[in-house]
Amino acid sequence: MSQFQQIALELPEDLYSEIEHFTEEEKNSFFRNVLQEQIQQRKSTDFHNQMKQGYLEMAQINMELCREFEEVEEEALLEGEKVINSSKDE
């Protein structure tokens, strides 16, 4: 069985006037739904921020790896061109 906790909220008069006609159960349901949506949105935002940070960190690592292999890639390209050119000359 689910347990509930109560909280007290202070709302500005204009905001409260928007919901004052709700029954207590409607108010409870309304606030539960709003809280659930906000919590889910915050979790989603936090997750996206963590992913963004991870990709930014990996970008630097990937750039360093590319630089490390740049010379080898250039050598492979030149060797490949030699093979192609030598097969044309035959």
Protein backbone atom coordinates (compact mmCIF):
# COMPACT_ATOMS: atom_id res chain seq x y z
CA MET A 1 0.00 0.00 0.00
CA SER A 2 1.28 3.42 -0.93
CA GLN A 3 2.12 5.88 1.81
CA PHE A 4 1.54 9.60 1.45
CA GLN A 5 3.25 12.59 2.98
CA GLN A 6 1.70 16.02 3.27
CA ILE A 7 3.34 19.30 2.37
CA ALA A 8 2.17 22.87 2.74
CA LEU A 9 2.46 25.27 -0.16
CA GLU A 10 2.26 29.02 -0.21
CA LEU A 11 0.87 30.36 -3.47
CA PRO A 12 0.40 33.91 -4.66
CA GLU A 13 -3.24 34.98 -4.57
CA ASP A 14 -3.58 35.16 -8.36
CA LEU A 15 -2.23 31.65 -8.79
CA TYR A 16 -4.41 30.24 -6.03
CA SER A 17 -7.48 31.83 -7.58
CA GLU A 18 -6.92 29.63 -10.63
CA ILE A 19 -7.39 26.44 -8.60
CA GLU A 20 -9.52 27.47 -5.62
CA HIS A 21 -12.65 25.97 -7.20
CA PHE A 22 -10.98 22.50 -7.32
CA THR A 23 -12.02 19.87 -4.81
CA GLU A 24 -9.31 18.73 -2.38
CA GLU A 25 -8.83 15.54 -4.39
CA GLU A 26 -8.55 17.53 -7.63
CA LYS A 27 -5.96 19.80 -6.02
CA ASN A 28 -4.00 16.81 -4.74
CA SER A 29 -4.12 15.12 -8.12
CA PHE A 30 -3.18 18.34 -9.90
CA PHE A 31 -0.14 18.97 -7.72
CA ARG A 32 0.97 15.32 -7.90
CA ASN A 33 0.82 15.44 -11.70
CA VAL A 34 2.66 18.76 -11.89
CA LEU A 35 5.37 17.49 -9.53
CA GLN A 36 5.76 14.24 -11.46
CA GLU A 37 6.10 16.13 -14.74
CA GLN A 38 8.62 18.57 -13.29
CA ILE A 39 10.68 15.79 -11.71
CA GLN A 40 10.70 13.85 -14.99
CA GLN A 41 11.69 16.99 -16.90
CA ARG A 42 14.51 17.69 -14.44
CA LYS A 43 15.78 14.10 -14.72
CA SER A 44 15.68 14.35 -18.50
CA THR A 45 17.54 17.68 -18.47
CA ASP A 46 20.14 16.30 -16.05
CA PHE A 47 20.61 13.23 -18.26
CA HIS A 48 21.04 15.36 -21.39
CA ASN A 49 23.54 17.58 -19.60
CA GLN A 50 25.53 14.54 -18.46
CA MET A 51 25.51 13.15 -22.01
CA LYS A 52 26.61 16.50 -23.41
CA GLN A 53 29.46 16.71 -20.91
CA GLY A 54 30.52 13.16 -21.75
CA TYR A 55 30.56 13.89 -25.48
CA LEU A 56 32.55 17.07 -24.92
CA GLU A 57 35.10 15.15 -22.87
CA MET A 58 35.30 12.39 -25.48
CA ALA A 59 35.70 14.96 -28.26
CA GLN A 60 39.01 16.06 -26.76
CA ILE A 61 40.18 12.45 -26.37
CA ASN A 62 39.12 11.63 -29.94
CA MET A 63 40.95 14.69 -31.26
CA GLU A 64 44.13 13.59 -29.49
CA LEU A 65 43.81 10.07 -30.95
CA CYS A 66 43.34 11.50 -34.43
CA ARG A 67 46.46 13.59 -34.04
CA GLU A 68 48.44 10.57 -32.85
CA PHE A 69 47.53 8.62 -35.99
CA GLU A 70 47.71 11.51 -38.44
CA GLU A 71 51.25 10.63 -39.55
CA VAL A 72 50.38 6.95 -40.02
CA GLU A 73 47.27 7.87 -42.03
CA GLU A 74 49.34 10.13 -44.28
CA GLU A 75 51.88 7.36 -44.83
CA ALA A 76 49.11 4.88 -45.69
CA LEU A 77 47.62 7.35 -48.15
CA LEU A 78 50.97 7.84 -49.89
CA GLU A 79 51.59 4.08 -50.05
CA GLY A 80 48.13 3.55 -51.51
CA GLU A 81 48.77 6.19 -54.16
CA LYS A 82 52.08 4.51 -55.04
CA VAL A 83 50.31 1.18 -55.52
CA ILE A 84 47.65 2.76 -57.71
CA ASN A 85 50.21 4.66 -59.77
CA SER A 86 52.45 1.61 -60.19
CA SER A 87 49.50 -0.50 -61.42
CA LYS A 88 48.69 2.22 -63.99
CA ASP A 89 52.27 2.13 -65.29
CA GLU A 90 52.13 -1.63 -65.96
